Amino acid sequence: MRWLKSTGHTVVISELVSFACETVDAIGWRAGHSTLIEVKVSRSDFRVNKKKLSVLTGTGVGRRRYFLCPSGLIKREELGGTDYGLLYTSDAKKITVEKEAQDRESHMYHEVLMLTSALRRKWQGGPYQQGRALMVNGTDEDEQQDAA
């Protein structure tokens, strides 16, 4: 979430389960533009991603989509022909852009589902369960969230 905040995203949600077409590791918005982050920690995790319905049909959320992984786990060449970008993280928790994501059509209806689900949970005063963090206007709701 820190990387999304550092790139100007003022609303960021992580690990939210909703009626949207997919559950994302993190997604952020800035000026109506959405950026999705899929965290990958193993090669098998990366390979499974290719079988996701949202990937197969191109109906996922996120106008820009990135994989975030330890440096070198996924090679830039492995993303050839896709619109995914690639972010590397180091032991120092520094995130670097290895490959920029390309703009794509996003499933706006499902993005609205995510946003309304997160806001409803927040405003009803209940726990923001099944979603670890919601950040609005630069204020963390969960300081323990370090990823993405």
N, C-alpha and C. Protein backbone atom coordinates (compact mmCIF):
# COMPACT_ATOMS: atom_id res chain seq x y z
N MET A 1 0.82 -1.19 0.00
CA MET A 1 0.00 0.00 0.00
C MET A 1 0.86 1.25 0.00
N ARG A 2 2.04 1.15 0.54
CA ARG A 2 2.91 2.33 0.58
C ARG A 2 3.28 2.79 -0.83
N TRP A 3 3.53 1.85 -1.73
CA TRP A 3 3.89 2.24 -3.08
C TRP A 3 2.72 2.95 -3.76
N LEU A 4 1.52 2.43 -3.57
CA LEU A 4 0.35 3.10 -4.15
C LEU A 4 0.21 4.51 -3.59
N LYS A 5 0.38 4.66 -2.29
CA LYS A 5 0.29 5.99 -1.69
C LYS A 5 1.38 6.91 -2.23
N SER A 6 2.58 6.36 -2.39
CA SER A 6 3.69 7.20 -2.85
C SER A 6 3.53 7.63 -4.31
N THR A 7 2.67 6.96 -5.04
CA THR A 7 2.43 7.32 -6.44
C THR A 7 1.14 8.13 -6.60
N GLY A 8 0.63 8.66 -5.49
CA GLY A 8 -0.49 9.59 -5.56
C GLY A 8 -1.88 9.01 -5.44
N HIS A 9 -1.98 7.73 -5.16
CA HIS A 9 -3.31 7.12 -4.99
C HIS A 9 -3.85 7.52 -3.62
N THR A 10 -4.99 8.17 -3.61
CA THR A 10 -5.54 8.70 -2.35
C THR A 10 -6.55 7.78 -1.70
N VAL A 11 -7.04 6.80 -2.42
CA VAL A 11 -7.91 5.77 -1.84
C VAL A 11 -7.27 4.43 -2.17
N VAL A 12 -6.98 3.64 -1.14
CA VAL A 12 -6.31 2.35 -1.32
C VAL A 12 -7.02 1.31 -0.47
N ILE A 13 -7.26 0.16 -1.06
CA ILE A 13 -7.92 -0.95 -0.36
C ILE A 13 -7.05 -2.19 -0.56
N SER A 14 -6.94 -3.00 0.49
CA SER A 14 -6.21 -4.25 0.33
C SER A 14 -7.03 -5.42 0.84
N GLU A 15 -6.87 -6.54 0.16
CA GLU A 15 -7.46 -7.83 0.54
C GLU A 15 -8.94 -7.76 0.88
N LEU A 16 -9.69 -7.06 0.08
CA LEU A 16 -11.13 -6.92 0.31
C LEU A 16 -11.88 -8.03 -0.41
N VAL A 17 -12.71 -8.76 0.33
CA VAL A 17 -13.60 -9.75 -0.26
C VAL A 17 -14.95 -9.08 -0.43
N SER A 18 -15.46 -9.06 -1.65
CA SER A 18 -16.75 -8.44 -1.94
C SER A 18 -17.42 -9.20 -3.07
N PHE A 19 -18.50 -8.64 -3.61
CA PHE A 19 -19.18 -9.26 -4.74
C PHE A 19 -18.50 -8.93 -6.07
N ALA A 20 -17.39 -8.23 -6.03
CA ALA A 20 -16.66 -7.90 -7.25
C ALA A 20 -16.12 -9.18 -7.89
N CYS A 21 -15.71 -9.08 -9.13
CA CYS A 21 -15.28 -10.26 -9.91
C CYS A 21 -14.00 -10.90 -9.40
N GLU A 22 -13.25 -10.21 -8.56
CA GLU A 22 -12.01 -10.78 -8.05
C GLU A 22 -11.67 -10.16 -6.70
N THR A 23 -10.87 -10.90 -5.94
CA THR A 23 -10.33 -10.39 -4.69
C THR A 23 -8.88 -10.01 -4.97
N VAL A 24 -8.55 -8.76 -4.75
CA VAL A 24 -7.21 -8.27 -5.10
C VAL A 24 -6.37 -8.11 -3.85
N ASP A 25 -5.05 -8.17 -4.06
CA ASP A 25 -4.15 -7.92 -2.93
C ASP A 25 -4.19 -6.45 -2.54
N ALA A 26 -4.19 -5.57 -3.53
CA ALA A 26 -4.32 -4.13 -3.26
C ALA A 26 -4.79 -3.43 -4.54
N ILE A 27 -5.58 -2.39 -4.34
CA ILE A 27 -6.02 -1.56 -5.46
C ILE A 27 -6.12 -0.13 -4.94
N GLY A 28 -5.72 0.80 -5.77
CA GLY A 28 -5.78 2.20 -5.39
C GLY A 28 -6.34 3.05 -6.52
N TRP A 29 -6.87 4.21 -6.14
CA TRP A 29 -7.44 5.14 -7.11
C TRP A 29 -6.84 6.51 -6.93
N ARG A 30 -6.65 7.18 -8.06
CA ARG A 30 -6.27 8.59 -8.06
C ARG A 30 -6.90 9.21 -9.30
N ALA A 31 -7.64 10.27 -9.09
CA ALA A 31 -8.29 11.00 -10.18
C ALA A 31 -9.03 10.08 -11.14
N GLY A 32 -9.77 9.12 -10.60
CA GLY A 32 -10.56 8.21 -11.43
C GLY A 32 -9.78 7.12 -12.12
N HIS A 33 -8.51 7.01 -11.83
CA HIS A 33 -7.62 6.03 -12.45
C HIS A 33 -7.29 4.97 -11.40
N SER A 34 -7.44 3.70 -11.73
CA SER A 34 -7.19 2.63 -10.76
C SER A 34 -5.93 1.84 -11.10
N THR A 35 -5.24 1.41 -10.04
CA THR A 35 -4.05 0.59 -10.18
C THR A 35 -4.17 -0.61 -9.25
N LEU A 36 -4.02 -1.80 -9.81
CA LEU A 36 -4.14 -3.05 -9.06
C LEU A 36 -2.74 -3.63 -8.82
N ILE A 37 -2.56 -4.24 -7.66
CA ILE A 37 -1.30 -4.92 -7.34
C ILE A 37 -1.62 -6.37 -6.94
N GLU A 38 -0.97 -7.30 -7.62
CA GLU A 38 -1.06 -8.72 -7.28
C GLU A 38 0.29 -9.12 -6.70
N VAL A 39 0.32 -9.51 -5.44
CA VAL A 39 1.56 -9.91 -4.78
C VAL A 39 1.82 -11.39 -5.08
N LYS A 40 3.01 -11.68 -5.55
CA LYS A 40 3.40 -13.06 -5.84
C LYS A 40 4.65 -13.40 -5.03
N VAL A 41 4.60 -14.51 -4.31
CA VAL A 41 5.72 -14.90 -3.45
C VAL A 41 6.39 -16.18 -3.91
N SER A 42 5.83 -16.82 -4.95
CA SER A 42 6.43 -18.05 -5.46
C SER A 42 6.13 -18.17 -6.96
N ARG A 43 6.90 -19.01 -7.62
CA ARG A 43 6.67 -19.25 -9.05
C ARG A 43 5.31 -19.90 -9.27
N SER A 44 4.94 -20.83 -8.40
CA SER A 44 3.64 -21.50 -8.58
C SER A 44 2.50 -20.50 -8.41
N ASP A 45 2.63 -19.57 -7.50
CA ASP A 45 1.63 -18.52 -7.30
C ASP A 45 1.49 -17.70 -8.58
N PHE A 46 2.59 -17.39 -9.23
CA PHE A 46 2.57 -16.65 -10.49
C PHE A 46 1.89 -17.45 -11.60
N ARG A 47 2.21 -18.75 -11.70
CA ARG A 47 1.61 -19.59 -12.75
C ARG A 47 0.11 -19.74 -12.57
N VAL A 48 -0.36 -19.84 -11.33
CA VAL A 48 -1.79 -19.98 -11.06
C VAL A 48 -2.55 -18.74 -11.53
N ASN A 49 -1.92 -17.59 -11.47
CA ASN A 49 -2.58 -16.35 -11.86
C ASN A 49 -3.09 -16.42 -13.30
N LYS A 50 -2.39 -17.12 -14.17
CA LYS A 50 -2.78 -17.21 -15.58
C LYS A 50 -4.12 -17.92 -15.76
N LYS A 51 -4.55 -18.67 -14.75
CA LYS A 51 -5.80 -19.44 -14.83
C LYS A 51 -6.99 -18.70 -14.23
N LYS A 52 -6.77 -17.51 -13.68
CA LYS A 52 -7.86 -16.74 -13.08
C LYS A 52 -8.85 -16.30 -14.15
N LEU A 53 -10.12 -16.36 -13.83
CA LEU A 53 -11.17 -15.98 -14.77
C LEU A 53 -10.98 -14.54 -15.25
N SER A 54 -10.63 -13.64 -14.34
CA SER A 54 -10.47 -12.24 -14.72
C SER A 54 -9.31 -12.06 -15.71
N VAL A 55 -8.30 -12.90 -15.62
CA VAL A 55 -7.16 -12.82 -16.55
C VAL A 55 -7.56 -13.43 -17.90
N LEU A 56 -8.24 -14.58 -17.86
CA LEU A 56 -8.64 -15.26 -19.09
C LEU A 56 -9.63 -14.45 -19.91
N THR A 57 -10.52 -13.75 -19.22
CA THR A 57 -11.59 -13.02 -19.93
C THR A 57 -11.28 -11.54 -20.10
N GLY A 58 -10.25 -11.06 -19.41
CA GLY A 58 -9.93 -9.63 -19.50
C GLY A 58 -10.94 -8.74 -18.82
N THR A 59 -11.67 -9.28 -17.84
CA THR A 59 -12.73 -8.53 -17.18
C THR A 59 -12.35 -8.05 -15.78
N GLY A 60 -11.10 -8.07 -15.46
CA GLY A 60 -10.68 -7.71 -14.11
C GLY A 60 -10.70 -6.22 -13.84
N VAL A 61 -10.46 -5.88 -12.60
CA VAL A 61 -10.40 -4.48 -12.18
C VAL A 61 -8.97 -3.97 -12.33
N GLY A 62 -8.82 -2.68 -12.30
CA GLY A 62 -7.50 -2.06 -12.39
C GLY A 62 -7.17 -1.63 -13.80
N ARG A 63 -7.14 -0.34 -14.02
CA ARG A 63 -6.76 0.18 -15.34
C ARG A 63 -5.29 -0.14 -15.63
N ARG A 64 -4.50 -0.14 -14.58
CA ARG A 64 -3.11 -0.63 -14.66
C ARG A 64 -2.98 -1.76 -13.66
N ARG A 65 -2.31 -2.82 -14.08
CA ARG A 65 -2.16 -4.00 -13.23
C ARG A 65 -0.68 -4.34 -13.09
N TYR A 66 -0.25 -4.59 -11.85
CA TYR A 66 1.15 -4.90 -11.56
C TYR A 66 1.26 -6.19 -10.77
N PHE A 67 2.34 -6.92 -11.01
CA PHE A 67 2.79 -7.97 -10.12
C PHE A 67 3.84 -7.36 -9.22
N LEU A 68 3.77 -7.68 -7.93
CA LEU A 68 4.79 -7.28 -6.96
C LEU A 68 5.40 -8.56 -6.42
N CYS A 69 6.73 -8.68 -6.53
CA CYS A 69 7.39 -9.91 -6.09
C CYS A 69 8.80 -9.59 -5.63
N PRO A 70 9.44 -10.54 -4.94
CA PRO A 70 10.86 -10.36 -4.61
C PRO A 70 11.66 -10.20 -5.90
N SER A 71 12.71 -9.43 -5.83
CA SER A 71 13.56 -9.17 -7.00
C SER A 71 13.95 -10.47 -7.70
N GLY A 72 13.68 -10.54 -9.01
CA GLY A 72 14.09 -11.67 -9.82
C GLY A 72 13.15 -12.86 -9.85
N LEU A 73 12.12 -12.90 -9.01
CA LEU A 73 11.21 -14.05 -8.99
C LEU A 73 10.49 -14.19 -10.33
N ILE A 74 10.00 -13.09 -10.84
CA ILE A 74 9.36 -13.05 -12.15
C ILE A 74 10.25 -12.19 -13.05
N LYS A 75 10.52 -12.67 -14.22
CA LYS A 75 11.35 -11.93 -15.16
C LYS A 75 10.47 -11.08 -16.07
N ARG A 76 10.98 -9.95 -16.41
CA ARG A 76 10.29 -9.01 -17.31
C ARG A 76 9.82 -9.72 -18.59
N GLU A 77 10.65 -10.59 -19.15
CA GLU A 77 10.34 -11.29 -20.39
C GLU A 77 9.10 -12.18 -20.25
N GLU A 78 8.82 -12.65 -19.04
CA GLU A 78 7.67 -13.53 -18.82
C GLU A 78 6.35 -12.78 -18.95
N LEU A 79 6.40 -11.47 -18.98
CA LEU A 79 5.18 -10.67 -19.09
C LEU A 79 4.95 -10.19 -20.52
N GLY A 80 5.80 -10.62 -21.44
CA GLY A 80 5.67 -10.22 -22.83
C GLY A 80 4.26 -10.51 -23.35
N GLY A 81 3.70 -9.57 -24.07
CA GLY A 81 2.37 -9.76 -24.63
C GLY A 81 1.23 -9.48 -23.65
N THR A 82 1.56 -9.09 -22.43
CA THR A 82 0.51 -8.74 -21.46
C THR A 82 0.62 -7.25 -21.13
N ASP A 83 -0.42 -6.74 -20.52
CA ASP A 83 -0.40 -5.33 -20.11
C ASP A 83 0.08 -5.16 -18.67
N TYR A 84 0.47 -6.25 -18.01
CA TYR A 84 0.93 -6.20 -16.63
C TYR A 84 2.27 -5.49 -16.51
N GLY A 85 2.43 -4.74 -15.42
CA GLY A 85 3.71 -4.18 -15.05
C GLY A 85 4.34 -5.07 -14.00
N LEU A 86 5.59 -4.76 -13.64
CA LEU A 86 6.31 -5.59 -12.68
C LEU A 86 7.02 -4.70 -11.66
N LEU A 87 6.76 -4.97 -10.40
CA LEU A 87 7.40 -4.26 -9.29
C LEU A 87 8.25 -5.26 -8.52
N TYR A 88 9.46 -4.84 -8.19
CA TYR A 88 10.35 -5.68 -7.37
C TYR A 88 10.45 -5.07 -5.97
N THR A 89 10.49 -5.95 -4.99
CA THR A 89 10.72 -5.51 -3.62
C THR A 89 12.02 -6.15 -3.12
N SER A 90 12.72 -5.41 -2.30
CA SER A 90 13.99 -5.90 -1.75
C SER A 90 13.84 -6.17 -0.27
N ASP A 91 14.89 -6.69 0.34
CA ASP A 91 14.88 -6.94 1.78
C ASP A 91 14.64 -5.65 2.57
N ALA A 92 15.03 -4.54 1.99
CA ALA A 92 14.86 -3.25 2.66
C ALA A 92 13.46 -2.69 2.46
N LYS A 93 12.57 -3.49 1.89
CA LYS A 93 11.18 -3.10 1.64
C LYS A 93 11.06 -1.95 0.65
N LYS A 94 12.10 -1.76 -0.13
CA LYS A 94 12.06 -0.75 -1.17
C LYS A 94 11.44 -1.37 -2.41
N ILE A 95 10.53 -0.64 -3.06
CA ILE A 95 9.87 -1.13 -4.26
C ILE A 95 10.38 -0.36 -5.46
N THR A 96 10.80 -1.10 -6.49
CA THR A 96 11.27 -0.48 -7.72
C THR A 96 10.42 -0.98 -8.89
N VAL A 97 10.24 -0.11 -9.87
CA VAL A 97 9.47 -0.47 -11.07
C VAL A 97 10.42 -1.13 -12.06
N GLU A 98 10.19 -2.40 -12.33
CA GLU A 98 10.99 -3.14 -13.32
C GLU A 98 10.38 -2.98 -14.71
N LYS A 99 9.05 -2.93 -14.77
CA LYS A 99 8.34 -2.77 -16.04
C LYS A 99 7.05 -2.00 -15.76
N GLU A 100 6.81 -0.95 -16.52
CA GLU A 100 5.58 -0.17 -16.37
C GLU A 100 4.39 -0.95 -16.91
N ALA A 101 3.25 -0.82 -16.24
CA ALA A 101 2.01 -1.42 -16.73
C ALA A 101 1.44 -0.55 -17.85
N GLN A 102 0.70 -1.19 -18.72
CA GLN A 102 0.02 -0.48 -19.81
C GLN A 102 -1.43 -0.25 -19.42
N ASP A 103 -1.98 0.88 -19.81
CA ASP A 103 -3.40 1.13 -19.57
C ASP A 103 -4.24 0.09 -20.30
N ARG A 104 -5.33 -0.30 -19.65
CA ARG A 104 -6.26 -1.26 -20.22
C ARG A 104 -7.66 -0.89 -19.79
N GLU A 105 -8.63 -1.50 -20.38
CA GLU A 105 -10.01 -1.29 -19.93
C GLU A 105 -10.18 -1.99 -18.58
N SER A 106 -10.85 -1.31 -17.68
CA SER A 106 -11.11 -1.87 -16.37
C SER A 106 -12.60 -2.12 -16.22
N HIS A 107 -12.94 -3.11 -15.43
CA HIS A 107 -14.35 -3.41 -15.19
C HIS A 107 -14.87 -2.46 -14.10
N MET A 108 -15.31 -1.29 -14.53
CA MET A 108 -15.70 -0.23 -13.60
C MET A 108 -16.82 -0.65 -12.64
N TYR A 109 -17.77 -1.43 -13.11
CA TYR A 109 -18.86 -1.88 -12.26
C TYR A 109 -18.30 -2.61 -11.03
N HIS A 110 -17.33 -3.45 -11.24
CA HIS A 110 -16.76 -4.21 -10.13
C HIS A 110 -15.89 -3.32 -9.23
N GLU A 111 -15.27 -2.31 -9.80
CA GLU A 111 -14.53 -1.36 -8.97
C GLU A 111 -15.49 -0.59 -8.05
N VAL A 112 -16.63 -0.22 -8.58
CA VAL A 112 -17.64 0.47 -7.76
C VAL A 112 -18.14 -0.46 -6.66
N LEU A 113 -18.34 -1.74 -6.97
CA LEU A 113 -18.73 -2.71 -5.94
C LEU A 113 -17.71 -2.75 -4.81
N MET A 114 -16.42 -2.76 -5.17
CA MET A 114 -15.36 -2.78 -4.15
C MET A 114 -15.42 -1.53 -3.28
N LEU A 115 -15.50 -0.39 -3.92
CA LEU A 115 -15.51 0.88 -3.19
C LEU A 115 -16.71 0.99 -2.27
N THR A 116 -17.89 0.65 -2.77
CA THR A 116 -19.08 0.77 -1.92
C THR A 116 -19.06 -0.24 -0.78
N SER A 117 -18.53 -1.42 -1.03
CA SER A 117 -18.42 -2.42 0.04
C SER A 117 -17.49 -1.92 1.15
N ALA A 118 -16.33 -1.38 0.76
CA ALA A 118 -15.38 -0.88 1.75
C ALA A 118 -15.96 0.30 2.52
N LEU A 119 -16.60 1.22 1.83
CA LEU A 119 -17.18 2.39 2.50
C LEU A 119 -18.32 2.01 3.43
N ARG A 120 -19.17 1.07 2.99
CA ARG A 120 -20.27 0.63 3.85
C ARG A 120 -19.73 0.03 5.14
N ARG A 121 -18.72 -0.79 5.04
CA ARG A 121 -18.13 -1.41 6.23
C ARG A 121 -17.51 -0.36 7.15
N LYS A 122 -16.86 0.60 6.55
CA LYS A 122 -16.23 1.66 7.33
C LYS A 122 -17.27 2.52 8.03
N TRP A 123 -18.27 2.95 7.30
CA TRP A 123 -19.27 3.87 7.86
C TRP A 123 -20.22 3.21 8.84
N GLN A 124 -20.41 1.91 8.72
CA GLN A 124 -21.28 1.22 9.67
C GLN A 124 -20.58 0.97 10.99
N GLY A 125 -19.32 1.31 11.06
CA GLY A 125 -18.59 1.19 12.32
C GLY A 125 -18.19 -0.21 12.68
N GLY A 126 -18.47 -1.15 11.81
CA GLY A 126 -18.08 -2.53 12.07
C GLY A 126 -16.64 -2.76 11.70
N PRO A 127 -16.16 -3.94 12.00
CA PRO A 127 -14.77 -4.22 11.65
C PRO A 127 -14.61 -4.27 10.14
N TYR A 128 -13.50 -3.80 9.70
CA TYR A 128 -13.18 -3.86 8.27
C TYR A 128 -12.60 -5.23 8.01
N GLN A 129 -13.41 -6.25 8.26
CA GLN A 129 -12.97 -7.63 8.15
C GLN A 129 -12.86 -8.03 6.70
N GLN A 130 -12.03 -8.97 6.41
CA GLN A 130 -11.77 -9.49 5.08
C GLN A 130 -11.19 -8.41 4.18
N GLY A 131 -10.71 -7.39 4.76
CA GLY A 131 -10.00 -6.34 4.05
C GLY A 131 -9.08 -5.75 5.09
N ARG A 132 -7.79 -5.78 4.89
CA ARG A 132 -6.88 -5.43 5.96
C ARG A 132 -6.68 -3.94 6.13
N ALA A 133 -6.90 -3.17 5.09
CA ALA A 133 -6.63 -1.75 5.24
C ALA A 133 -7.46 -0.95 4.26
N LEU A 134 -7.87 0.19 4.70
CA LEU A 134 -8.54 1.17 3.86
C LEU A 134 -7.89 2.49 4.16
N MET A 135 -7.37 3.12 3.13
CA MET A 135 -6.70 4.40 3.30
C MET A 135 -7.43 5.41 2.42
N VAL A 136 -7.83 6.51 3.03
CA VAL A 136 -8.51 7.56 2.30
C VAL A 136 -7.82 8.88 2.60
N ASN A 137 -7.51 9.66 1.57
CA ASN A 137 -6.87 10.96 1.73
C ASN A 137 -5.59 10.90 2.54
N GLY A 138 -4.81 9.85 2.34
CA GLY A 138 -3.49 9.76 2.95
C GLY A 138 -3.46 9.32 4.40
N THR A 139 -4.58 8.82 4.95
CA THR A 139 -4.61 8.38 6.34
C THR A 139 -4.80 6.88 6.40
N ASP A 140 -3.87 6.18 7.01
CA ASP A 140 -3.98 4.73 7.15
C ASP A 140 -5.01 4.38 8.20
N GLU A 141 -5.80 3.37 7.90
CA GLU A 141 -6.71 2.81 8.89
C GLU A 141 -6.08 1.60 9.56
N ASP A 142 -5.00 1.10 9.01
CA ASP A 142 -4.34 -0.06 9.56
C ASP A 142 -2.85 0.10 9.36
N GLU A 143 -2.15 0.58 10.36
CA GLU A 143 -0.72 0.86 10.25
C GLU A 143 0.11 -0.41 10.09
N GLN A 144 -0.47 -1.58 10.36
CA GLN A 144 0.30 -2.82 10.27
C GLN A 144 0.46 -3.27 8.84
N GLN A 145 -0.31 -2.71 7.91
CA GLN A 145 -0.25 -3.12 6.52
C GLN A 145 1.02 -2.58 5.86
N ASP A 146 1.89 -3.47 5.43
CA ASP A 146 3.14 -3.03 4.82
C ASP A 146 3.20 -3.32 3.32
N ALA A 147 2.46 -4.33 2.89
CA ALA A 147 2.59 -4.77 1.50
C ALA A 147 1.98 -3.78 0.53
N ALA A 148 2.53 -3.79 -0.66
CA ALA A 148 2.05 -3.01 -1.79
C ALA A 148 1.95 -1.57 -1.44
